[in-house]
């Protein structure tokens, strides 16, 4: 079953860094946008960052200047480098990929990885 597999979450102190990785475990077609959402328990899932494949990137205002998204198109892998982490960055982070195959477009999701920023 095609899916996205995430890694890199964990516990870090304020001011620290983490790098999240999200890779496709199988063939999911032609991938267009890839990116990251995050969700705090009891709240909606919010878009953190996205990359459109053509070089356009998006960052939520709360992470601009601290987070960097990048991707390896040959491997259908997206990364999120998170620096200067703050306690309010604590959340479950979900990656996604918008892919096209056999005439259909769909969004794939990762399983989620927990990021805890605490001293």
PDB file of N, CA and C in Angstrom:
ATOM      1  N   UNK A   1       0.857  -1.184   0.000  1.00  0.00           N
ATOM      2  CA  UNK A   1       0.000   0.000   0.000  1.00  0.00           C
ATOM      3  C   UNK A   1       0.891   1.230   0.000  1.00  0.00           C
ATOM      4  N   UNK A   2       0.593   2.121  -0.952  1.00  0.00           N
ATOM      5  CA  UNK A   2       1.400   3.327  -1.003  1.00  0.00           C
ATOM      6  C   UNK A   2       1.155   4.185   0.222  1.00  0.00           C
ATOM      7  N   UNK A   3       2.221   4.738   0.755  1.00  0.00           N
ATOM      8  CA  UNK A   3       2.049   5.616   1.880  1.00  0.00           C
ATOM      9  C   UNK A   3       3.295   6.467   2.044  1.00  0.00           C
ATOM     10  N   UNK A   4       3.168   7.451   2.936  1.00  0.00           N
ATOM     11  CA  UNK A   4       4.289   8.296   3.285  1.00  0.00           C
ATOM     12  C   UNK A   4       4.748   7.910   4.683  1.00  0.00           C
ATOM     13  N   UNK A   5       6.029   7.804   4.859  1.00  0.00           N
ATOM     14  CA  UNK A   5       6.611   7.412   6.134  1.00  0.00           C
ATOM     15  C   UNK A   5       7.428   8.568   6.685  1.00  0.00           C
ATOM     16  N   UNK A   6       7.099   8.987   7.894  1.00  0.00           N
ATOM     17  CA  UNK A   6       7.768  10.115   8.533  1.00  0.00           C
ATOM     18  C   UNK A   6       8.774   9.640   9.569  1.00  0.00           C
ATOM     19  N   UNK A   7       9.778  10.464   9.795  1.00  0.00           N
ATOM     20  CA  UNK A   7      10.742  10.215  10.858  1.00  0.00           C
ATOM     21  C   UNK A   7      11.334  11.546  11.301  1.00  0.00           C
ATOM     22  N   UNK A   8      11.977  11.535  12.460  1.00  0.00           N
ATOM     23  CA  UNK A   8      12.716  12.710  12.907  1.00  0.00           C
ATOM     24  C   UNK A   8      12.117  13.473  14.066  1.00  0.00           C
ATOM     25  N   UNK A   9      10.927  13.114  14.500  1.00  0.00           N
ATOM     26  CA  UNK A   9      10.336  13.818  15.633  1.00  0.00           C
ATOM     27  C   UNK A   9      11.031  13.450  16.933  1.00  0.00           C
ATOM     28  N   UNK A  10      10.631  14.115  18.018  1.00  0.00           N
ATOM     29  CA  UNK A  10      11.203  13.802  19.311  1.00  0.00           C
ATOM     30  C   UNK A  10      11.092  14.950  20.275  1.00  0.00           C
ATOM     31  N   UNK A  11      11.867  14.855  21.339  1.00  0.00           N
ATOM     32  CA  UNK A  11      11.884  15.868  22.388  1.00  0.00           C
ATOM     33  C   UNK A  11      13.130  16.733  22.240  1.00  0.00           C
ATOM     34  N   UNK A  12      12.940  18.041  22.271  1.00  0.00           N
ATOM     35  CA  UNK A  12      14.065  18.954  22.137  1.00  0.00           C
ATOM     36  C   UNK A  12      13.835  20.142  23.054  1.00  0.00           C
ATOM     37  N   UNK A  13      14.906  20.745  23.518  1.00  0.00           N
ATOM     38  CA  UNK A  13      14.791  21.927  24.375  1.00  0.00           C
ATOM     39  C   UNK A  13      14.506  23.168  23.540  1.00  0.00           C
ATOM     40  N   UNK A  14      13.888  24.166  24.127  1.00  0.00           N
ATOM     41  CA  UNK A  14      13.684  25.433  23.406  1.00  0.00           C
ATOM     42  C   UNK A  14      15.000  25.957  22.849  1.00  0.00           C
ATOM     43  N   UNK A  15      14.926  26.418  21.611  1.00  0.00           N
ATOM     44  CA  UNK A  15      16.123  26.878  20.928  1.00  0.00           C
ATOM     45  C   UNK A  15      16.835  25.807  20.134  1.00  0.00           C
ATOM     46  N   UNK A  16      16.435  24.573  20.310  1.00  0.00           N
ATOM     47  CA  UNK A  16      17.074  23.469  19.611  1.00  0.00           C
ATOM     48  C   UNK A  16      16.539  23.274  18.210  1.00  0.00           C
ATOM     49  N   UNK A  17      17.020  22.214  17.564  1.00  0.00           N
ATOM     50  CA  UNK A  17      16.660  21.928  16.171  1.00  0.00           C
ATOM     51  C   UNK A  17      16.244  20.475  16.002  1.00  0.00           C
ATOM     52  N   UNK A  18      15.393  20.258  15.031  1.00  0.00           N
ATOM     53  CA  UNK A  18      15.022  18.918  14.583  1.00  0.00           C
ATOM     54  C   UNK A  18      14.864  18.951  13.080  1.00  0.00           C
ATOM     55  N   UNK A  19      15.065  17.794  12.458  1.00  0.00           N
ATOM     56  CA  UNK A  19      14.837  17.667  11.024  1.00  0.00           C
ATOM     57  C   UNK A  19      13.864  16.525  10.792  1.00  0.00           C
ATOM     58  N   UNK A  20      12.728  16.848  10.211  1.00  0.00           N
ATOM     59  CA  UNK A  20      11.732  15.844   9.877  1.00  0.00           C
ATOM     60  C   UNK A  20      11.936  15.381   8.438  1.00  0.00           C
ATOM     61  N   UNK A  21      11.717  14.090   8.229  1.00  0.00           N
ATOM     62  CA  UNK A  21      11.828  13.498   6.900  1.00  0.00           C
ATOM     63  C   UNK A  21      10.534  12.757   6.577  1.00  0.00           C
ATOM     64  N   UNK A  22      10.113  12.862   5.337  1.00  0.00           N
ATOM     65  CA  UNK A  22       8.901  12.173   4.878  1.00  0.00           C
ATOM     66  C   UNK A  22       9.196  11.572   3.508  1.00  0.00           C
ATOM     67  N   UNK A  23       9.095  10.258   3.405  1.00  0.00           N
ATOM     68  CA  UNK A  23       9.429   9.585   2.158  1.00  0.00           C
ATOM     69  C   UNK A  23       8.303   8.668   1.721  1.00  0.00           C
ATOM     70  N   UNK A  24       8.135   8.552   0.412  1.00  0.00           N
ATOM     71  CA  UNK A  24       7.143   7.630  -0.121  1.00  0.00           C
ATOM     72  C   UNK A  24       7.668   6.206  -0.022  1.00  0.00           C
ATOM     73  N   UNK A  25       6.824   5.294   0.437  1.00  0.00           N
ATOM     74  CA  UNK A  25       7.252   3.901   0.564  1.00  0.00           C
ATOM     75  C   UNK A  25       6.954   3.100  -0.690  1.00  0.00           C
ATOM     76  N   UNK A  26       6.335   3.693  -1.677  1.00  0.00           N
ATOM     77  CA  UNK A  26       6.010   3.019  -2.914  1.00  0.00           C
ATOM     78  C   UNK A  26       5.766   4.026  -4.015  1.00  0.00           C
ATOM     79  N   UNK A  27       5.292   3.560  -5.133  1.00  0.00           N
ATOM     80  CA  UNK A  27       5.021   4.449  -6.260  1.00  0.00           C
ATOM     81  C   UNK A  27       3.670   5.126  -6.059  1.00  0.00           C
ATOM     82  N   UNK A  28       3.666   6.444  -6.028  1.00  0.00           N
ATOM     83  CA  UNK A  28       2.402   7.159  -5.830  1.00  0.00           C
ATOM     84  C   UNK A  28       2.076   8.056  -7.023  1.00  0.00           C
ATOM     85  N   UNK A  29       2.807   7.924  -8.111  1.00  0.00           N
ATOM     86  CA  UNK A  29       2.521   8.713  -9.298  1.00  0.00           C
ATOM     87  C   UNK A  29       3.391   9.942  -9.377  1.00  0.00           C
ATOM     88  N   UNK A  30       2.916  10.905 -10.135  1.00  0.00           N
ATOM     89  CA  UNK A  30       3.643  12.162 -10.295  1.00  0.00           C
ATOM     90  C   UNK A  30       3.285  13.069  -9.126  1.00  0.00           C
ATOM     91  N   UNK A  31       4.290  13.433  -8.375  1.00  0.00           N
ATOM     92  CA  UNK A  31       4.041  14.227  -7.169  1.00  0.00           C
ATOM     93  C   UNK A  31       4.179  15.698  -7.481  1.00  0.00           C
ATOM     94  N   UNK A  32       3.205  16.458  -7.115  1.00  0.00           N
ATOM     95  CA  UNK A  32       3.248  17.905  -7.266  1.00  0.00           C
ATOM     96  C   UNK A  32       3.632  18.536  -5.935  1.00  0.00           C
ATOM     97  N   UNK A  33       2.706  19.093  -5.230  1.00  0.00           N
ATOM     98  CA  UNK A  33       3.042  19.739  -3.969  1.00  0.00           C
ATOM     99  C   UNK A  33       3.313  18.720  -2.871  1.00  0.00           C
ATOM    100  N   UNK A  34       4.241  19.062  -2.018  1.00  0.00           N
ATOM    101  CA  UNK A  34       4.507  18.303  -0.794  1.00  0.00           C
ATOM    102  C   UNK A  34       4.639  19.317   0.334  1.00  0.00           C
ATOM    103  N   UNK A  35       4.348  18.869   1.554  1.00  0.00           N
ATOM    104  CA  UNK A  35       4.465  19.820   2.640  1.00  0.00           C
ATOM    105  C   UNK A  35       4.156  19.207   3.994  1.00  0.00           C
ATOM    106  N   UNK A  36       3.968  20.121   4.949  1.00  0.00           N
ATOM    107  CA  UNK A  36       3.774  19.706   6.335  1.00  0.00           C
ATOM    108  C   UNK A  36       2.647  20.483   6.991  1.00  0.00           C
ATOM    109  N   UNK A  37       1.802  19.744   7.717  1.00  0.00           N
ATOM    110  CA  UNK A  37       0.807  20.325   8.609  1.00  0.00           C
ATOM    111  C   UNK A  37       1.223  19.975  10.035  1.00  0.00           C
ATOM    112  N   UNK A  38       0.623  20.640  10.989  1.00  0.00           N
ATOM    113  CA  UNK A  38       0.794  20.230  12.378  1.00  0.00           C
ATOM    114  C   UNK A  38      -0.538  20.390  13.117  1.00  0.00           C
ATOM    115  N   UNK A  39      -0.677  19.586  14.156  1.00  0.00           N
ATOM    116  CA  UNK A  39      -1.932  19.571  14.891  1.00  0.00           C
ATOM    117  C   UNK A  39      -1.688  19.404  16.375  1.00  0.00           C
ATOM    118  N   UNK A  40      -2.321  20.272  17.139  1.00  0.00           N
ATOM    119  CA  UNK A  40      -2.330  20.176  18.582  1.00  0.00           C
ATOM    120  C   UNK A  40      -3.658  19.560  18.993  1.00  0.00           C
ATOM    121  N   UNK A  41      -3.639  18.723  19.990  1.00  0.00           N
ATOM    122  CA  UNK A  41      -4.851  18.018  20.426  1.00  0.00           C
ATOM    123  C   UNK A  41      -5.991  19.008  20.655  1.00  0.00           C
ATOM    124  N   UNK A  42      -7.137  18.695  20.048  1.00  0.00           N
ATOM    125  CA  UNK A  42      -8.313  19.520  20.212  1.00  0.00           C
ATOM    126  C   UNK A  42      -8.399  20.706  19.266  1.00  0.00           C
ATOM    127  N   UNK A  43      -7.397  20.844  18.397  1.00  0.00           N
ATOM    128  CA  UNK A  43      -7.399  21.960  17.447  1.00  0.00           C
ATOM    129  C   UNK A  43      -7.317  21.435  16.020  1.00  0.00           C
ATOM    130  N   UNK A  44      -7.554  22.348  15.076  1.00  0.00           N
ATOM    131  CA  UNK A  44      -7.499  21.965  13.668  1.00  0.00           C
ATOM    132  C   UNK A  44      -6.056  21.737  13.223  1.00  0.00           C
ATOM    133  N   UNK A  45      -5.922  20.980  12.147  1.00  0.00           N
ATOM    134  CA  UNK A  45      -4.619  20.765  11.540  1.00  0.00           C
ATOM    135  C   UNK A  45      -4.269  22.003  10.715  1.00  0.00           C
ATOM    136  N   UNK A  46      -3.121  22.588  10.990  1.00  0.00           N
ATOM    137  CA  UNK A  46      -2.711  23.821  10.326  1.00  0.00           C
ATOM    138  C   UNK A  46      -1.549  23.573   9.376  1.00  0.00           C
ATOM    139  N   UNK A  47      -1.566  24.251   8.241  1.00  0.00           N
ATOM    140  CA  UNK A  47      -0.465  24.157   7.280  1.00  0.00           C
ATOM    141  C   UNK A  47       0.748  24.915   7.822  1.00  0.00           C
ATOM    142  N   UNK A  48       1.882  24.242   7.847  1.00  0.00           N
ATOM    143  CA  UNK A  48       3.134  24.838   8.320  1.00  0.00           C
ATOM    144  C   UNK A  48       3.988  25.305   7.153  1.00  0.00           C
ATOM    145  N   UNK A  49       4.159  24.419   6.181  1.00  0.00           N
ATOM    146  CA  UNK A  49       5.021  24.740   5.046  1.00  0.00           C
ATOM    147  C   UNK A  49       4.671  23.853   3.870  1.00  0.00           C
ATOM    148  N   UNK A  50       4.895  24.363   2.658  1.00  0.00           N
ATOM    149  CA  UNK A  50       4.610  23.597   1.451  1.00  0.00           C
ATOM    150  C   UNK A  50       5.593  23.958   0.354  1.00  0.00           C
ATOM    151  N   UNK A  51       5.792  23.012  -0.548  1.00  0.00           N
ATOM    152  CA  UNK A  51       6.680  23.209  -1.703  1.00  0.00           C
ATOM    153  C   UNK A  51       5.935  22.715  -2.929  1.00  0.00           C
ATOM    154  N   UNK A  52       5.830  23.558  -3.953  1.00  0.00           N
ATOM    155  CA  UNK A  52       5.003  23.229  -5.108  1.00  0.00           C
ATOM    156  C   UNK A  52       5.730  22.464  -6.192  1.00  0.00           C
ATOM    157  N   UNK A  53       6.919  22.070  -6.010  1.00  0.00           N
ATOM    158  CA  UNK A  53       7.780  21.375  -6.975  1.00  0.00           C
ATOM    159  C   UNK A  53       8.396  22.341  -7.983  1.00  0.00           C
ATOM    160  N   UNK A  54       7.681  23.395  -8.331  1.00  0.00           N
ATOM    161  CA  UNK A  54       8.219  24.360  -9.289  1.00  0.00           C
ATOM    162  C   UNK A  54       9.123  25.384  -8.630  1.00  0.00           C
ATOM    163  N   UNK A  55       9.311  25.229  -7.327  1.00  0.00           N
ATOM    164  CA  UNK A  55      10.221  26.131  -6.633  1.00  0.00           C
ATOM    165  C   UNK A  55       9.536  27.113  -5.716  1.00  0.00           C
ATOM    166  N   UNK A  56       8.208  27.154  -5.767  1.00  0.00           N
ATOM    167  CA  UNK A  56       7.478  28.055  -4.872  1.00  0.00           C
ATOM    168  C   UNK A  56       7.313  27.395  -3.515  1.00  0.00           C
ATOM    169  N   UNK A  57       7.551  28.159  -2.469  1.00  0.00           N
ATOM    170  CA  UNK A  57       7.398  27.636  -1.115  1.00  0.00           C
ATOM    171  C   UNK A  57       6.482  28.539  -0.302  1.00  0.00           C
ATOM    172  N   UNK A  58       5.877  27.912   0.715  1.00  0.00           N
ATOM    173  CA  UNK A  58       4.991  28.631   1.626  1.00  0.00           C
ATOM    174  C   UNK A  58       5.421  28.316   3.054  1.00  0.00           C
ATOM    175  N   UNK A  59       5.386  29.336   3.903  1.00  0.00           N
ATOM    176  CA  UNK A  59       5.619  29.153   5.327  1.00  0.00           C
ATOM    177  C   UNK A  59       4.551  29.910   6.110  1.00  0.00           C
ATOM    178  N   UNK A  60       4.050  29.275   7.137  1.00  0.00           N
ATOM    179  CA  UNK A  60       3.166  29.991   8.047  1.00  0.00           C
ATOM    180  C   UNK A  60       3.956  31.111   8.722  1.00  0.00           C
ATOM    181  N   UNK A  61       3.294  32.193   9.042  1.00  0.00           N
ATOM    182  CA  UNK A  61       3.985  33.330   9.648  1.00  0.00           C
ATOM    183  C   UNK A  61       4.725  32.924  10.924  1.00  0.00           C
ATOM    184  N   UNK A  62       4.169  31.989  11.650  1.00  0.00           N
ATOM    185  CA  UNK A  62       4.737  31.607  12.941  1.00  0.00           C
ATOM    186  C   UNK A  62       6.072  30.872  12.813  1.00  0.00           C
ATOM    187  N   UNK A  63       6.399  30.385  11.619  1.00  0.00           N
ATOM    188  CA  UNK A  63       7.642  29.618  11.454  1.00  0.00           C
ATOM    189  C   UNK A  63       8.617  30.273  10.481  1.00  0.00           C
ATOM    190  N   UNK A  64       8.231  31.366   9.856  1.00  0.00           N
ATOM    191  CA  UNK A  64       9.115  32.029   8.893  1.00  0.00           C
ATOM    192  C   UNK A  64      10.438  32.412   9.544  1.00  0.00           C
ATOM    193  N   UNK A  65      11.523  32.124   8.833  1.00  0.00           N
ATOM    194  CA  UNK A  65      12.846  32.440   9.355  1.00  0.00           C
ATOM    195  C   UNK A  65      13.418  31.376  10.262  1.00  0.00           C
ATOM    196  N   UNK A  66      12.603  30.403  10.663  1.00  0.00           N
ATOM    197  CA  UNK A  66      13.075  29.343  11.563  1.00  0.00           C
ATOM    198  C   UNK A  66      13.016  27.959  10.901  1.00  0.00           C
ATOM    199  N   UNK A  67      12.025  27.738  10.082  1.00  0.00           N
ATOM    200  CA  UNK A  67      11.838  26.441   9.416  1.00  0.00           C
ATOM    201  C   UNK A  67      12.216  26.555   7.941  1.00  0.00           C
ATOM    202  N   UNK A  68      12.744  25.465   7.395  1.00  0.00           N
ATOM    203  CA  UNK A  68      13.083  25.416   5.974  1.00  0.00           C
ATOM    204  C   UNK A  68      12.602  24.102   5.384  1.00  0.00           C
ATOM    205  N   UNK A  69      11.841  24.198   4.308  1.00  0.00           N
ATOM    206  CA  UNK A  69      11.375  23.000   3.619  1.00  0.00           C
ATOM    207  C   UNK A  69      12.268  22.726   2.422  1.00  0.00           C
ATOM    208  N   UNK A  70      12.508  21.459   2.161  1.00  0.00           N
ATOM    209  CA  UNK A  70      13.262  21.067   0.972  1.00  0.00           C
ATOM    210  C   UNK A  70      12.757  19.700   0.528  1.00  0.00           C
ATOM    211  N   UNK A  71      13.128  19.310  -0.670  1.00  0.00           N
ATOM    212  CA  UNK A  71      12.645  18.031  -1.164  1.00  0.00           C
ATOM    213  C   UNK A  71      13.610  17.428  -2.171  1.00  0.00           C
ATOM    214  N   UNK A  72      13.498  16.118  -2.304  1.00  0.00           N
ATOM    215  CA  UNK A  72      14.251  15.360  -3.298  1.00  0.00           C
ATOM    216  C   UNK A  72      13.211  14.748  -4.221  1.00  0.00           C
ATOM    217  N   UNK A  73      13.027  15.342  -5.384  1.00  0.00           N
ATOM    218  CA  UNK A  73      11.967  14.883  -6.283  1.00  0.00           C
ATOM    219  C   UNK A  73      12.208  13.469  -6.790  1.00  0.00           C
ATOM    220  N   UNK A  74      13.442  13.093  -6.965  1.00  0.00           N
ATOM    221  CA  UNK A  74      13.746  11.746  -7.461  1.00  0.00           C
ATOM    222  C   UNK A  74      13.313  10.682  -6.467  1.00  0.00           C
ATOM    223  N   UNK A  75      13.285  11.042  -5.196  1.00  0.00           N
ATOM    224  CA  UNK A  75      12.938  10.083  -4.151  1.00  0.00           C
ATOM    225  C   UNK A  75      11.550  10.341  -3.561  1.00  0.00           C
ATOM    226  N   UNK A  76      10.839  11.340  -4.085  1.00  0.00           N
ATOM    227  CA  UNK A  76       9.543  11.725  -3.502  1.00  0.00           C
ATOM    228  C   UNK A  76       9.658  11.889  -1.998  1.00  0.00           C
ATOM    229  N   UNK A  77      10.655  12.636  -1.589  1.00  0.00           N
ATOM    230  CA  UNK A  77      10.938  12.859  -0.172  1.00  0.00           C
ATOM    231  C   UNK A  77      10.935  14.347   0.119  1.00  0.00           C
ATOM    232  N   UNK A  78      10.345  14.701   1.253  1.00  0.00           N
ATOM    233  CA  UNK A  78      10.317  16.099   1.671  1.00  0.00           C
ATOM    234  C   UNK A  78      10.886  16.180   3.087  1.00  0.00           C
ATOM    235  N   UNK A  79      11.585  17.274   3.351  1.00  0.00           N
ATOM    236  CA  UNK A  79      12.231  17.488   4.633  1.00  0.00           C
ATOM    237  C   UNK A  79      11.718  18.788   5.249  1.00  0.00           C
ATOM    238  N   UNK A  80      11.776  18.845   6.558  1.00  0.00           N
ATOM    239  CA  UNK A  80      11.480  20.095   7.254  1.00  0.00           C
ATOM    240  C   UNK A  80      12.551  20.305   8.324  1.00  0.00           C
ATOM    241  N   UNK A  81      13.432  21.266   8.063  1.00  0.00           N
ATOM    242  CA  UNK A  81      14.456  21.628   9.038  1.00  0.00           C
ATOM    243  C   UNK A  81      13.863  22.669   9.964  1.00  0.00           C
ATOM    244  N   UNK A  82      13.831  22.351  11.246  1.00  0.00           N
ATOM    245  CA  UNK A  82      13.221  23.241  12.234  1.00  0.00           C
ATOM    246  C   UNK A  82      14.296  23.730  13.204  1.00  0.00           C
ATOM    247  N   UNK A  83      14.551  25.009  13.181  1.00  0.00           N
ATOM    248  CA  UNK A  83      15.542  25.617  14.055  1.00  0.00           C
ATOM    249  C   UNK A  83      14.876  26.577  15.027  1.00  0.00           C
ATOM    250  N   UNK A  84      15.598  26.946  16.066  1.00  0.00           N
ATOM    251  CA  UNK A  84      15.092  27.888  17.075  1.00  0.00           C
ATOM    252  C   UNK A  84      13.699  27.494  17.550  1.00  0.00           C
ATOM    253  N   UNK A  85      13.555  26.229  17.882  1.00  0.00           N
ATOM    254  CA  UNK A  85      12.238  25.717  18.250  1.00  0.00           C
ATOM    255  C   UNK A  85      11.731  26.356  19.527  1.00  0.00           C
ATOM    256  N   UNK A  86      10.415  26.528  19.560  1.00  0.00           N
ATOM    257  CA  UNK A  86       9.733  27.134  20.687  1.00  0.00           C
ATOM    258  C   UNK A  86       8.718  26.149  21.266  1.00  0.00           C
ATOM    259  N   UNK A  87       8.356  26.304  22.527  1.00  0.00           N
ATOM    260  CA  UNK A  87       7.339  25.405  23.099  1.00  0.00           C
ATOM    261  C   UNK A  87       6.043  25.376  22.288  1.00  0.00           C
ATOM    262  N   UNK A  88       5.695  26.490  21.672  1.00  0.00           N
ATOM    263  CA  UNK A  88       4.456  26.524  20.881  1.00  0.00           C
ATOM    264  C   UNK A  88       4.560  25.752  19.565  1.00  0.00           C
ATOM    265  N   UNK A  89       5.747  25.255  19.239  1.00  0.00           N
ATOM    266  CA  UNK A  89       5.897  24.389  18.075  1.00  0.00           C
ATOM    267  C   UNK A  89       5.532  22.939  18.409  1.00  0.00           C
ATOM    268  N   UNK A  90       5.285  22.657  19.664  1.00  0.00           N
ATOM    269  CA  UNK A  90       4.909  21.310  20.070  1.00  0.00           C
ATOM    270  C   UNK A  90       3.608  20.906  19.402  1.00  0.00           C
ATOM    271  N   UNK A  91       3.631  19.774  18.708  1.00  0.00           N
ATOM    272  CA  UNK A  91       2.470  19.299  17.960  1.00  0.00           C
ATOM    273  C   UNK A  91       2.807  17.961  17.318  1.00  0.00           C
ATOM    274  N   UNK A  92       1.799  17.344  16.728  1.00  0.00           N
ATOM    275  CA  UNK A  92       2.030  16.212  15.832  1.00  0.00           C
ATOM    276  C   UNK A  92       2.161  16.788  14.418  1.00  0.00           C
ATOM    277  N   UNK A  93       3.236  16.440  13.767  1.00  0.00           N
ATOM    278  CA  UNK A  93       3.509  16.942  12.424  1.00  0.00           C
ATOM    279  C   UNK A  93       3.165  15.864  11.401  1.00  0.00           C
ATOM    280  N   UNK A  94       2.376  16.259  10.392  1.00  0.00           N
ATOM    281  CA  UNK A  94       1.950  15.360   9.331  1.00  0.00           C
ATOM    282  C   UNK A  94       2.472  15.873   7.986  1.00  0.00           C
ATOM    283  N   UNK A  95       3.099  14.994   7.230  1.00  0.00           N
ATOM    284  CA  UNK A  95       3.484  15.392   5.882  1.00  0.00           C
ATOM    285  C   UNK A  95       2.384  14.967   4.906  1.00  0.00           C
ATOM    286  N   UNK A  96       2.393  15.587   3.744  1.00  0.00           N
ATOM    287  CA  UNK A  96       1.447  15.215   2.704  1.00  0.00           C
ATOM    288  C   UNK A  96       2.119  15.318   1.342  1.00  0.00           C
ATOM    289  N   UNK A  97       1.516  14.627   0.375  1.00  0.00           N
ATOM    290  CA  UNK A  97       1.975  14.719  -1.008  1.00  0.00           C
ATOM    291  C   UNK A  97       0.748  14.672  -1.911  1.00  0.00           C
ATOM    292  N   UNK A  98       0.653  15.622  -2.798  1.00  0.00           N
ATOM    293  CA  UNK A  98      -0.413  15.640  -3.803  1.00  0.00           C
ATOM    294  C   UNK A  98       0.130  14.987  -5.071  1.00  0.00           C
ATOM    295  N   UNK A  99      -0.461  13.858  -5.442  1.00  0.00           N
ATOM    296  CA  UNK A  99       0.082  13.077  -6.553  1.00  0.00           C
ATOM    297  C   UNK A  99      -0.988  12.787  -7.590  1.00  0.00           C
ATOM    298  N   UNK A 100      -0.528  12.556  -8.821  1.00  0.00           N
ATOM    299  CA  UNK A 100      -1.406  12.276  -9.960  1.00  0.00           C
ATOM    300  C   UNK A 100      -0.999  10.953 -10.576  1.00  0.00           C
ATOM    301  N   UNK A 101      -2.017  10.064 -10.732  1.00  0.00           N
ATOM    302  CA  UNK A 101      -1.730   8.751 -11.318  1.00  0.00           C
ATOM    303  C   UNK A 101      -2.990   8.182 -11.957  1.00  0.00           C
ATOM    304  N   UNK A 102      -2.860   7.631 -13.165  1.00  0.00           N
ATOM    305  CA  UNK A 102      -3.981   6.972 -13.860  1.00  0.00           C
ATOM    306  C   UNK A 102      -5.201   7.883 -13.961  1.00  0.00           C
ATOM    307  N   UNK A 103      -4.968   9.154 -14.196  1.00  0.00           N
ATOM    308  CA  UNK A 103      -6.072  10.080 -14.374  1.00  0.00           C
ATOM    309  C   UNK A 103      -6.681  10.624 -13.094  1.00  0.00           C
ATOM    310  N   UNK A 104      -6.131  10.236 -11.969  1.00  0.00           N
ATOM    311  CA  UNK A 104      -6.682  10.665 -10.684  1.00  0.00           C
ATOM    312  C   UNK A 104      -5.639  11.426  -9.881  1.00  0.00           C
ATOM    313  N   UNK A 105      -6.111  12.441  -9.168  1.00  0.00           N
ATOM    314  CA  UNK A 105      -5.273  13.163  -8.225  1.00  0.00           C
ATOM    315  C   UNK A 105      -5.738  12.827  -6.820  1.00  0.00           C
ATOM    316  N   UNK A 106      -4.820  12.641  -5.929  1.00  0.00           N
ATOM    317  CA  UNK A 106      -5.173  12.394  -4.546  1.00  0.00           C
ATOM    318  C   UNK A 106      -4.085  12.918  -3.639  1.00  0.00           C
ATOM    319  N   UNK A 107      -4.445  13.086  -2.385  1.00  0.00           N
ATOM    320  CA  UNK A 107      -3.499  13.526  -1.371  1.00  0.00           C
ATOM    321  C   UNK A 107      -3.149  12.342  -0.464  1.00  0.00           C
ATOM    322  N   UNK A 108      -1.871  12.119  -0.321  1.00  0.00           N
ATOM    323  CA  UNK A 108      -1.372  11.107   0.589  1.00  0.00           C
ATOM    324  C   UNK A 108      -0.907  11.779   1.874  1.00  0.00           C
ATOM    325  N   UNK A 109      -1.051  11.064   2.996  1.00  0.00           N
ATOM    326  CA  UNK A 109      -0.649  11.592   4.297  1.00  0.00           C
ATOM    327  C   UNK A 109       0.340  10.652   4.974  1.00  0.00           C
ATOM    328  N   UNK A 110       1.228  11.265   5.740  1.00  0.00           N
ATOM    329  CA  UNK A 110       2.072  10.485   6.613  1.00  0.00           C
ATOM    330  C   UNK A 110       1.330  10.114   7.885  1.00  0.00           C
ATOM    331  N   UNK A 111       1.948   9.266   8.705  1.00  0.00           N
ATOM    332  CA  UNK A 111       1.301   8.767   9.906  1.00  0.00           C
ATOM    333  C   UNK A 111       1.372   9.752  11.061  1.00  0.00           C
ATOM    334  N   UNK A 112       2.184  10.778  10.922  1.00  0.00           N
ATOM    335  CA  UNK A 112       2.344  11.767  11.977  1.00  0.00           C
ATOM    336  C   UNK A 112       3.546  11.460  12.851  1.00  0.00           C
ATOM    337  N   UNK A 113       4.252  12.503  13.251  1.00  0.00           N
ATOM    338  CA  UNK A 113       5.381  12.343  14.152  1.00  0.00           C
ATOM    339  C   UNK A 113       5.290  13.436  15.229  1.00  0.00           C
ATOM    340  N   UNK A 114       5.503  13.041  16.471  1.00  0.00           N
ATOM    341  CA  UNK A 114       5.337  13.967  17.597  1.00  0.00           C
ATOM    342  C   UNK A 114       6.604  14.792  17.786  1.00  0.00           C
ATOM    343  N   UNK A 115       6.411  16.091  17.908  1.00  0.00           N
ATOM    344  CA  UNK A 115       7.502  17.009  18.239  1.00  0.00           C
ATOM    345  C   UNK A 115       7.148  17.670  19.568  1.00  0.00           C
ATOM    346  N   UNK A 116       8.024  17.530  20.530  1.00  0.00           N
ATOM    347  CA  UNK A 116       7.842  18.142  21.845  1.00  0.00           C
ATOM    348  C   UNK A 116       8.999  19.098  22.113  1.00  0.00           C
ATOM    349  N   UNK A 117       8.669  20.351  22.376  1.00  0.00           N
ATOM    350  CA  UNK A 117       9.688  21.343  22.690  1.00  0.00           C
ATOM    351  C   UNK A 117       9.479  21.758  24.136  1.00  0.00           C
ATOM    352  N   UNK A 118      10.398  21.342  24.985  1.00  0.00           N
ATOM    353  CA  UNK A 118      10.235  21.586  26.420  1.00  0.00           C
ATOM    354  C   UNK A 118      11.578  21.539  27.117  1.00  0.00           C
ATOM    355  N   UNK A 119      11.693  22.324  28.163  1.00  0.00           N
ATOM    356  CA  UNK A 119      12.909  22.287  28.967  1.00  0.00           C
ATOM    357  C   UNK A 119      12.734  21.331  30.150  1.00  0.00           C
TER     358      UNK A 119
END
